C-alpha atoms as a PDB file:
ATOM      1  CA  MET A   1      -0.046   0.086   0.114  1.00  0.00           C
ATOM      2  CA  GLN A   2       3.196   2.431  -0.615  1.00  0.00           C
ATOM      3  CA  ARG A   3       1.869   3.551  -3.671  1.00  0.00           C
ATOM      4  CA  GLN A   4       1.463   7.256  -2.822  1.00  0.00           C
ATOM      5  CA  SER A   5       4.835   8.298  -2.931  1.00  0.00           C
ATOM      6  CA  THR A   6       4.080  11.736  -3.685  1.00  0.00           C
ATOM      7  CA  ASP A   7       1.965  12.106  -0.164  1.00  0.00           C
ATOM      8  CA  PRO A   8       4.147  14.217   2.100  1.00  0.00           C
ATOM      9  CA  PHE A   9       3.040  12.223   5.089  1.00  0.00           C
ATOM     10  CA  PHE A  10       4.148   8.901   3.217  1.00  0.00           C
ATOM     11  CA  ALA A  11       7.596  11.122   2.593  1.00  0.00           C
ATOM     12  CA  LEU A  12       7.822  11.856   6.203  1.00  0.00           C
ATOM     13  CA  VAL A  13       7.385   8.407   7.066  1.00  0.00           C
ATOM     14  CA  GLN A  14       9.640   6.885   5.063  1.00  0.00           C
ATOM     15  CA  GLN A  15      12.587   9.312   6.191  1.00  0.00           C
ATOM     16  CA  ALA A  16      11.564   8.637   9.793  1.00  0.00           C
ATOM     17  CA  GLN A  17      14.084   8.063  12.712  1.00  0.00           C
ATOM     18  CA  ASP A  18      12.111   7.768  15.790  1.00  0.00           C
ATOM     19  CA  SER A  19      14.669   9.815  18.104  1.00  0.00           C
ATOM     20  CA  GLU A  20      14.179  12.647  15.450  1.00  0.00           C
ATOM     21  CA  PHE A  21      10.946  12.222  14.212  1.00  0.00           C
ATOM     22  CA  ASP A  22       8.523  15.731  13.896  1.00  0.00           C
ATOM     23  CA  LEU A  23       5.676  14.395  15.776  1.00  0.00           C
ATOM     24  CA  ALA A  24       3.958  17.989  15.283  1.00  0.00           C
ATOM     25  CA  ARG A  25       4.493  17.669  11.829  1.00  0.00           C
ATOM     26  CA  GLY A  26       3.322  14.374  10.957  1.00  0.00           C
ATOM     27  CA  ALA A  27       0.010  15.386  12.905  1.00  0.00           C
ATOM     28  CA  LEU A  28      -0.445  18.248  10.948  1.00  0.00           C
ATOM     29  CA  LEU A  29      -0.097  16.467   7.719  1.00  0.00           C
ATOM     30  CA  ILE A  30      -2.918  14.194   9.003  1.00  0.00           C
ATOM     31  CA  ALA A  31      -4.667  17.043   9.513  1.00  0.00           C
ATOM     32  CA  ARG A  32      -4.053  18.237   5.826  1.00  0.00           C
ATOM     33  CA  GLN A  33      -6.771  15.089   4.812  1.00  0.00           C
ATOM     34  CA  ALA A  34      -9.509  17.754   6.175  1.00  0.00           C
ATOM     35  CA  TYR A  35      -7.846  20.968   5.673  1.00  0.00           C
ATOM     36  CA  PRO A  36      -5.994  20.740   2.191  1.00  0.00           C
ATOM     37  CA  ASP A  37      -4.217  24.332   2.137  1.00  0.00           C
ATOM     38  CA  LEU A  38      -3.500  23.790   6.106  1.00  0.00           C
ATOM     39  CA  ASN A  39      -0.321  25.969   6.816  1.00  0.00           C
ATOM     40  CA  VAL A  40       1.747  23.375   8.470  1.00  0.00           C
ATOM     41  CA  GLU A  41       4.754  26.010   9.416  1.00  0.00           C
ATOM     42  CA  TYR A  42       2.229  28.042  11.072  1.00  0.00           C
ATOM     43  CA  TYR A  43       1.205  25.904  13.550  1.00  0.00           C
ATOM     44  CA  LEU A  44       4.441  24.751  14.343  1.00  0.00           C
ATOM     45  CA  ARG A  45       5.649  28.273  15.009  1.00  0.00           C
ATOM     46  CA  GLN A  46       2.371  28.500  17.207  1.00  0.00           C
ATOM     47  CA  LEU A  47       3.764  25.421  19.290  1.00  0.00           C
ATOM     48  CA  ASP A  48       6.990  27.389  19.114  1.00  0.00           C
ATOM     49  CA  ASP A  49       5.587  30.562  20.786  1.00  0.00           C
ATOM     50  CA  ILE A  50       3.492  28.453  23.060  1.00  0.00           C
ATOM     51  CA  GLY A  51       7.171  27.081  24.652  1.00  0.00           C
ATOM     52  CA  ALA A  52       8.590  30.452  24.323  1.00  0.00           C
ATOM     53  CA  ASN A  53       5.683  31.797  26.060  1.00  0.00           C
ATOM     54  CA  TYR A  54       5.951  29.442  28.914  1.00  0.00           C
ATOM     55  CA  ARG A  55       9.443  29.902  29.512  1.00  0.00           C
ATOM     56  CA  ALA A  56       9.172  33.897  29.819  1.00  0.00           C
ATOM     57  CA  HIS A  57       6.668  32.912  32.592  1.00  0.00           C
ATOM     58  CA  HIS A  58       8.387  30.299  34.361  1.00  0.00           C
ATOM     59  CA  PRO A  59      12.450  30.074  34.670  1.00  0.00           C
ATOM     60  CA  PRO A  60      13.342  26.655  35.214  1.00  0.00           C
ATOM     61  CA  ALA A  61      12.461  24.627  38.220  1.00  0.00           C
ATOM     62  CA  ALA A  62      14.646  22.717  40.586  1.00  0.00           C
ATOM     63  CA  ASP A  63      13.276  19.746  39.747  1.00  0.00           C
ATOM     64  CA  LEU A  64      10.923  18.220  36.866  1.00  0.00           C
ATOM     65  CA  ALA A  65       7.643  17.425  38.935  1.00  0.00           C
ATOM     66  CA  THR A  66       7.773  21.296  39.396  1.00  0.00           C
ATOM     67  CA  GLU A  67       8.183  22.099  36.143  1.00  0.00           C
ATOM     68  CA  LEU A  68       5.838  19.607  35.019  1.00  0.00           C
ATOM     69  CA  ALA A  69       3.347  21.159  37.300  1.00  0.00           C
ATOM     70  CA  ASN A  70       3.844  24.631  35.863  1.00  0.00           C
ATOM     71  CA  LEU A  71       3.451  23.488  32.232  1.00  0.00           C
ATOM     72  CA  SER A  72       0.312  21.632  33.084  1.00  0.00           C
ATOM     73  CA  HIS A  73      -1.129  24.951  34.693  1.00  0.00           C
ATOM     74  CA  PHE A  74       0.189  27.086  31.967  1.00  0.00           C
ATOM     75  CA  LEU A  75      -1.486  24.897  29.390  1.00  0.00           C
ATOM     76  CA  PHE A  76      -4.675  23.873  30.705  1.00  0.00           C
ATOM     77  CA  VAL A  77      -5.459  26.817  32.980  1.00  0.00           C
ATOM     78  CA  ASP A  78      -3.830  30.137  31.706  1.00  0.00           C
ATOM     79  CA  LEU A  79      -4.064  28.634  27.919  1.00  0.00           C
ATOM     80  CA  GLU A  80      -7.532  27.078  28.584  1.00  0.00           C
ATOM     81  CA  PHE A  81      -6.357  23.714  26.915  1.00  0.00           C
ATOM     82  CA  CYS A  82      -8.985  21.131  27.803  1.00  0.00           C
ATOM     83  CA  GLY A  83     -10.730  17.800  26.978  1.00  0.00           C
ATOM     84  CA  ASN A  84     -13.783  17.773  24.937  1.00  0.00           C
ATOM     85  CA  GLN A  85     -16.154  15.519  27.251  1.00  0.00           C
ATOM     86  CA  ASP A  86     -19.094  16.868  25.219  1.00  0.00           C
ATOM     87  CA  ALA A  87     -18.302  16.094  21.510  1.00  0.00           C
ATOM     88  CA  TYR A  88     -15.374  13.214  21.991  1.00  0.00           C
ATOM     89  CA  ASP A  89     -15.809  11.974  18.320  1.00  0.00           C
ATOM     90  CA  ASP A  90     -15.858  14.974  16.902  1.00  0.00           C
ATOM     91  CA  PRO A  91     -12.843  14.895  14.367  1.00  0.00           C
ATOM     92  CA  ARG A  92     -11.976  18.291  15.007  1.00  0.00           C
ATOM     93  CA  ASN A  93     -10.447  17.026  18.350  1.00  0.00           C
ATOM     94  CA  SER A  94      -7.895  14.962  16.594  1.00  0.00           C
ATOM     95  CA  TYR A  95      -6.860  17.576  14.244  1.00  0.00           C
ATOM     96  CA  LEU A  96      -3.740  19.296  15.984  1.00  0.00           C
ATOM     97  CA  ASN A  97      -4.474  22.544  14.156  1.00  0.00           C
ATOM     98  CA  ASP A  98      -7.965  22.525  14.960  1.00  0.00           C
ATOM     99  CA  VAL A  99      -6.470  21.331  18.683  1.00  0.00           C
ATOM    100  CA  ILE A 100      -4.559  24.584  18.838  1.00  0.00           C
ATOM    101  CA  ASP A 101      -7.334  26.865  17.545  1.00  0.00           C
ATOM    102  CA  ARG A 102      -9.869  25.899  19.729  1.00  0.00           C
ATOM    103  CA  ARG A 103      -7.975  24.847  22.452  1.00  0.00           C
ATOM    104  CA  LEU A 104     -10.313  21.313  22.657  1.00  0.00           C
ATOM    105  CA  GLY A 105      -9.011  17.811  22.230  1.00  0.00           C
ATOM    106  CA  ILE A 106      -8.911  14.055  23.203  1.00  0.00           C
ATOM    107  CA  PRO A 107      -6.650  12.619  25.175  1.00  0.00           C
ATOM    108  CA  ILE A 108      -3.752  11.684  22.288  1.00  0.00           C
ATOM    109  CA  SER A 109      -3.921  15.114  20.594  1.00  0.00           C
ATOM    110  CA  LEU A 110      -3.370  16.884  23.843  1.00  0.00           C
ATOM    111  CA  SER A 111      -0.699  14.821  24.570  1.00  0.00           C
ATOM    112  CA  VAL A 112       0.670  15.417  21.334  1.00  0.00           C
ATOM    113  CA  VAL A 113       0.570  19.230  21.922  1.00  0.00           C
ATOM    114  CA  TYR A 114       2.044  18.425  25.678  1.00  0.00           C
ATOM    115  CA  LEU A 115       4.907  16.726  24.265  1.00  0.00           C
ATOM    116  CA  GLU A 116       5.487  18.864  21.585  1.00  0.00           C
ATOM    117  CA  VAL A 117       5.554  21.755  23.873  1.00  0.00           C
ATOM    118  CA  GLY A 118       7.543  19.851  26.234  1.00  0.00           C
ATOM    119  CA  ARG A 119      10.436  18.898  23.630  1.00  0.00           C
ATOM    120  CA  ARG A 120      10.972  22.716  22.830  1.00  0.00           C
ATOM    121  CA  LEU A 121      11.609  22.998  26.446  1.00  0.00           C
ATOM    122  CA  GLN A 122      13.688  19.845  26.333  1.00  0.00           C
ATOM    123  CA  LEU A 123      11.825  18.454  29.319  1.00  0.00           C
ATOM    124  CA  PRO A 124      12.380  14.527  28.992  1.00  0.00           C
ATOM    125  CA  LEU A 125       8.950  13.081  27.949  1.00  0.00           C
ATOM    126  CA  ALA A 126       7.119  10.623  26.259  1.00  0.00           C
ATOM    127  CA  GLY A 127       3.738   9.349  25.405  1.00  0.00           C
ATOM    128  CA  ILE A 128       2.623   6.105  26.585  1.00  0.00           C
ATOM    129  CA  ASN A 129      -0.206   3.635  24.663  1.00  0.00           C
ATOM    130  CA  PHE A 130      -2.407   3.328  27.556  1.00  0.00           C
ATOM    131  CA  PRO A 131      -5.331   1.214  27.109  1.00  0.00           C
ATOM    132  CA  TYR A 132      -8.303   3.571  25.829  1.00  0.00           C
ATOM    133  CA  HIS A 133      -6.655   6.699  27.132  1.00  0.00           C
ATOM    134  CA  PHE A 134      -3.507   8.089  26.049  1.00  0.00           C
ATOM    135  CA  LEU A 135      -1.145   9.236  28.644  1.00  0.00           C
ATOM    136  CA  VAL A 136       2.008  11.248  28.805  1.00  0.00           C
ATOM    137  CA  ARG A 137       5.561  10.106  31.055  1.00  0.00           C
ATOM    138  CA  SER A 138       8.449  11.567  32.290  1.00  0.00           C
ATOM    139  CA  THR A 139      11.516   9.412  30.655  1.00  0.00           C
ATOM    140  CA  GLU A 140      13.249   8.754  34.338  1.00  0.00           C
ATOM    141  CA  SER A 141      13.983   5.523  35.768  1.00  0.00           C
ATOM    142  CA  ASP A 142      11.363   6.480  38.449  1.00  0.00           C
ATOM    143  CA  PRO A 143       8.803   8.217  35.831  1.00  0.00           C
ATOM    144  CA  LEU A 144       6.056  10.997  36.371  1.00  0.00           C
ATOM    145  CA  PHE A 145       2.530  10.187  34.375  1.00  0.00           C
ATOM    146  CA  ILE A 146       0.639  13.104  33.402  1.00  0.00           C
ATOM    147  CA  ASP A 147      -3.007  12.891  31.796  1.00  0.00           C
ATOM    148  CA  PRO A 148      -3.236  16.054  29.461  1.00  0.00           C
ATOM    149  CA  PHE A 149      -7.070  15.090  29.211  1.00  0.00           C
ATOM    150  CA  ALA A 150      -7.703  15.614  33.108  1.00  0.00           C
ATOM    151  CA  GLY A 151      -6.033  19.044  32.874  1.00  0.00           C
ATOM    152  CA  GLY A 152      -2.358  17.756  33.058  1.00  0.00           C
ATOM    153  CA  ALA A 153      -3.087  16.105  36.399  1.00  0.00           C
ATOM    154  CA  PHE A 154      -0.463  13.648  37.769  1.00  0.00           C
ATOM    155  CA  VAL A 155      -1.333   9.608  38.164  1.00  0.00           C
ATOM    156  CA  ASP A 156       0.304   7.217  40.285  1.00  0.00           C
ATOM    157  CA  TYR A 157       0.395   3.768  39.843  1.00  0.00           C
ATOM    158  CA  ARG A 158      -2.747   3.189  42.120  1.00  0.00           C
ATOM    159  CA  GLN A 159      -4.534   5.300  39.852  1.00  0.00           C
ATOM    160  CA  LEU A 160      -3.083   3.693  36.673  1.00  0.00           C
ATOM    161  CA  GLY A 161      -4.169   0.269  37.786  1.00  0.00           C
ATOM    162  CA  GLU A 162      -7.612   1.545  38.411  1.00  0.00           C
ATOM    163  CA  ARG A 163      -7.980   3.163  35.112  1.00  0.00           C
ATOM    164  CA  LEU A 164      -7.522  -0.112  33.292  1.00  0.00           C
ATOM    165  CA  PRO A 165     -10.656  -1.571  31.502  1.00  0.00           C
ATOM    166  CA  VAL A 166     -12.583  -4.700  31.777  1.00  0.00           C
ATOM    167  CA  VAL A 167     -11.694  -7.190  28.847  1.00  0.00           C
ATOM    168  CA  ALA A 168     -13.800 -10.239  28.282  1.00  0.00           C
ATOM    169  CA  GLY A 169     -15.134 -10.204  31.827  1.00  0.00           C
ATOM    170  CA  ARG A 170     -11.714  -9.729  33.495  1.00  0.00           C
ATOM    171  CA  LYS A 171      -9.515  -6.778  34.321  1.00  0.00           C
ATOM    172  CA  LEU A 172      -6.397  -6.139  32.900  1.00  0.00           C
ATOM    173  CA  ALA A 173      -3.312  -6.110  34.863  1.00  0.00           C
ATOM    174  CA  LEU A 174      -1.127  -3.142  34.821  1.00  0.00           C
ATOM    175  CA  GLU A 175       1.622  -4.552  32.455  1.00  0.00           C
ATOM    176  CA  LYS A 176       5.256  -2.485  31.813  1.00  0.00           C
ATOM    177  CA  ASP A 177       4.429  -2.572  28.030  1.00  0.00           C
ATOM    178  CA  TYR A 178       1.120  -0.248  28.976  1.00  0.00           C
ATOM    179  CA  LEU A 179       3.851   2.122  30.544  1.00  0.00           C
ATOM    180  CA  ALA A 180       6.631   1.920  27.688  1.00  0.00           C
ATOM    181  CA  PRO A 181       7.456   4.834  26.123  1.00  0.00           C
ATOM    182  CA  ALA A 182       5.564   4.927  22.435  1.00  0.00           C
ATOM    183  CA  PRO A 183       7.644   5.838  19.483  1.00  0.00           C
ATOM    184  CA  PRO A 184       6.344   8.888  17.556  1.00  0.00           C
ATOM    185  CA  LEU A 185       5.275   6.534  14.658  1.00  0.00           C
ATOM    186  CA  GLN A 186       3.225   4.570  17.029  1.00  0.00           C
ATOM    187  CA  ILE A 187       1.314   7.984  18.368  1.00  0.00           C
ATOM    188  CA  LEU A 188       0.525   9.180  14.683  1.00  0.00           C
ATOM    189  CA  ALA A 189      -1.118   5.342  13.875  1.00  0.00           C
ATOM    190  CA  ARG A 190      -3.086   5.558  17.020  1.00  0.00           C
ATOM    191  CA  MET A 191      -4.288   9.091  15.843  1.00  0.00           C
ATOM    192  CA  LEU A 192      -5.265   7.593  12.409  1.00  0.00           C
ATOM    193  CA  ARG A 193      -7.112   4.626  13.596  1.00  0.00           C
ATOM    194  CA  ASN A 194      -9.045   6.978  16.016  1.00  0.00           C
ATOM    195  CA  LEU A 195     -10.360   9.129  13.168  1.00  0.00           C
ATOM    196  CA  LYS A 196     -10.439   5.815  10.901  1.00  0.00           C
ATOM    197  CA  ARG A 197     -13.341   4.577  13.615  1.00  0.00           C
ATOM    198  CA  ILE A 198     -14.897   7.872  13.445  1.00  0.00           C
ATOM    199  CA  HIS A 199     -15.089   8.253   9.883  1.00  0.00           C
ATOM    200  CA  VAL A 200     -16.435   4.748   9.437  1.00  0.00           C
ATOM    201  CA  GLN A 201     -19.220   5.506  12.166  1.00  0.00           C
ATOM    202  CA  GLU A 202     -20.019   8.911   9.992  1.00  0.00           C
ATOM    203  CA  ARG A 203     -20.130   6.601   6.775  1.00  0.00           C
ATOM    204  CA  LYS A 204     -17.273   8.469   5.376  1.00  0.00           C
ATOM    205  CA  PHE A 205     -15.574   5.926   3.651  1.00  0.00           C
ATOM    206  CA  THR A 206     -13.217   7.765   1.431  1.00  0.00           C
ATOM    207  CA  ALA A 207     -11.831   9.778   4.676  1.00  0.00           C
ATOM    208  CA  ALA A 208     -11.191   6.291   6.239  1.00  0.00           C
ATOM    209  CA  VAL A 209      -9.937   5.148   3.411  1.00  0.00           C
ATOM    210  CA  HIS A 210      -7.096   7.797   3.604  1.00  0.00           C
ATOM    211  CA  CYS A 211      -6.276   7.148   7.287  1.00  0.00           C
ATOM    212  CA  ALA A 212      -6.102   2.887   6.637  1.00  0.00           C
ATOM    213  CA  GLU A 213      -3.564   3.883   3.884  1.00  0.00           C
ATOM    214  CA  LYS A 214      -1.721   6.096   6.017  1.00  0.00           C
ATOM    215  CA  ILE A 215      -1.589   3.396   8.896  1.00  0.00           C
ATOM    216  CA  SER A 216      -0.359   0.654   5.915  1.00  0.00           C
ATOM    217  CA  TRP A 217       2.801   3.035   5.609  1.00  0.00           C
ATOM    218  CA  ILE A 218       3.241   3.171   9.146  1.00  0.00           C
ATOM    219  CA  GLN A 219       2.772  -0.439  10.288  1.00  0.00           C
ATOM    220  CA  PRO A 220       3.187  -2.540   6.610  1.00  0.00           C
ATOM    221  CA  ASP A 221       2.683  -5.824   8.903  1.00  0.00           C
ATOM    222  CA  GLU A 222      -0.541  -4.553  10.864  1.00  0.00           C
ATOM    223  CA  ALA A 223      -2.910  -7.537   9.211  1.00  0.00           C
ATOM    224  CA  ASP A 224      -6.522  -6.144  10.735  1.00  0.00           C
ATOM    225  CA  ASN A 225      -6.002  -2.692   9.127  1.00  0.00           C
ATOM    226  CA  TYR A 226      -5.452  -4.740   5.712  1.00  0.00           C
ATOM    227  CA  ARG A 227      -8.832  -5.948   6.314  1.00  0.00           C
ATOM    228  CA  ASP A 228     -10.245  -2.713   7.068  1.00  0.00           C
ATOM    229  CA  LEU A 229      -8.767  -1.633   3.978  1.00  0.00           C
ATOM    230  CA  GLY A 230     -10.466  -4.317   2.200  1.00  0.00           C
ATOM    231  CA  PHE A 231     -13.882  -3.703   3.384  1.00  0.00           C
ATOM    232  CA  LEU A 232     -13.400   0.243   3.070  1.00  0.00           C
ATOM    233  CA  TYR A 233     -12.116   0.102  -0.610  1.00  0.00           C
ATOM    234  CA  TYR A 234     -14.883  -2.436  -1.365  1.00  0.00           C
ATOM    235  CA  TRP A 235     -17.750   0.294  -0.274  1.00  0.00           C
ATOM    236  CA  ILE A 236     -16.163   2.942  -2.400  1.00  0.00           C
ATOM    237  CA  HIS A 237     -16.224   0.514  -5.520  1.00  0.00           C
ATOM    238  CA  ASP A 238     -12.637   0.100  -5.714  1.00  0.00           C
ATOM    239  CA  TYR A 239     -12.306  -3.610  -5.879  1.00  0.00           C
ATOM    240  CA  ARG A 240      -9.059  -4.313  -7.283  1.00  0.00           C
ATOM    241  CA  LYS A 241      -7.435  -2.336  -4.403  1.00  0.00           C
ATOM    242  CA  ALA A 242     -10.203  -4.342  -2.050  1.00  0.00           C
ATOM    243  CA  VAL A 243      -8.942  -7.665  -3.458  1.00  0.00           C
ATOM    244  CA  ASP A 244      -5.021  -6.202  -2.878  1.00  0.00           C
ATOM    245  CA  ALA A 245      -5.803  -5.696   0.714  1.00  0.00           C
ATOM    246  CA  PHE A 246      -7.520  -8.654   1.394  1.00  0.00           C
ATOM    247  CA  THR A 247      -4.895 -10.912  -0.140  1.00  0.00           C
ATOM    248  CA  ALA A 248      -2.503  -8.823   2.115  1.00  0.00           C
ATOM    249  CA  TYR A 249      -4.738  -9.349   5.160  1.00  0.00           C
ATOM    250  CA  LEU A 250      -4.631 -13.269   4.275  1.00  0.00           C
ATOM    251  CA  ARG A 251      -0.533 -12.798   4.199  1.00  0.00           C
ATOM    252  CA  TRP A 252      -0.039 -10.874   7.282  1.00  0.00           C
ATOM    253  CA  ALA A 253      -2.728 -12.481   9.606  1.00  0.00           C
ATOM    254  CA  ASP A 254      -1.958 -15.501  11.914  1.00  0.00           C
ATOM    255  CA  ASP A 255      -4.409 -17.999  11.214  1.00  0.00           C
ATOM    256  CA  PRO A 256      -7.345 -15.538  11.502  1.00  0.00           C
ATOM    257  CA  SER A 257     -10.408 -17.142  12.283  1.00  0.00           C
ATOM    258  CA  ASP A 258     -12.168 -15.484   9.394  1.00  0.00           C
ATOM    259  CA  ALA A 259      -9.987 -16.696   6.549  1.00  0.00           C
ATOM    260  CA  VAL A 260     -12.259 -18.535   4.924  1.00  0.00           C
ATOM    261  CA  GLU A 261     -14.922 -15.697   4.799  1.00  0.00           C
ATOM    262  CA  ILE A 262     -11.891 -13.184   3.160  1.00  0.00           C
ATOM    263  CA  GLN A 263     -10.960 -15.609   1.084  1.00  0.00           C
ATOM    264  CA  GLN A 264     -14.336 -15.789  -0.333  1.00  0.00           C
ATOM    265  CA  ASN A 265     -14.566 -12.021  -0.567  1.00  0.00           C
ATOM    266  CA  ILE A 266     -11.509 -12.200  -2.901  1.00  0.00           C
ATOM    267  CA  GLU A 267     -13.075 -14.654  -5.114  1.00  0.00           C
ATOM    268  CA  THR A 268     -16.561 -13.007  -5.652  1.00  0.00           C
ATOM    269  CA  ILE A 269     -14.757  -9.655  -5.852  1.00  0.00           C
ATOM    270  CA  SER A 270     -12.094 -11.408  -8.367  1.00  0.00           C
ATOM    271  CA  GLY A 271     -15.035 -12.925 -10.431  1.00  0.00           C
ATOM    272  CA  ARG A 272     -16.925  -9.601 -10.790  1.00  0.00           C
ATOM    273  CA  LEU A 273     -13.583  -7.807 -12.020  1.00  0.00           C
ATOM    274  CA  SER A 274     -13.148 -10.586 -14.566  1.00  0.00           C
ATOM    275  CA  LEU A 275     -16.778  -9.867 -16.205  1.00  0.00           C
ATOM    276  CA  LEU A 276     -15.291  -6.313 -16.557  1.00  0.00           C
ATOM    277  CA  ASN A 277     -12.511  -7.130 -18.737  1.00  0.00           C
END
């Protein structure tokens, strides 16, 4: 699914080095799907200005906990960034330009703001792919955990455990993987999965296709995304790409339970295509 080599997001992903990757630029290039004329450099400067404005009012603190408490107060009290509780699935909550303009977001987009301002301040921060609710952590051996959706509040290990969801009748245990720093490309993939889900709910299948294609550029071995792409391509009547995506799903999936169904889809669509030749 790497055919759109002229796409700026594709080019950014291909050049990515996780330690140097420009997360904000990647998020803004995702937003260009909705805003083709979006001025990426303008919003990057907005983040620069937020960082500079913070430092102008807050000299470096003696310890990281105080620094992060000050940063949280600055972002969520002084600048009034906050979580959009009332319209959580509004796609604007996932577009970084809208989050900066409206001061509204969801956990992952507010975390991107927090991380990118923190990066400009040279703070040791990373995102974490916590189940159902993205968080920020410090990268120290004894990390601090921050919830940007809750106004930048600190979260301790007990609270982290309480936040874990119940899956198949069992509450998840607090695993080390849930607290591991997430590379920037993983963060962008999670943003894209959120948007893909929202677009499917709204039956905006072409927009969902764009998200799923970008996920395939970031994570080319993610089987489930190819299955989703197969159905999305089918729904927008791009049958050849649907066959390619379903075939990729069967290639990458590990003995999937729906293998027979997907193979039948491939054969049915291929049969229809043969009638068009």
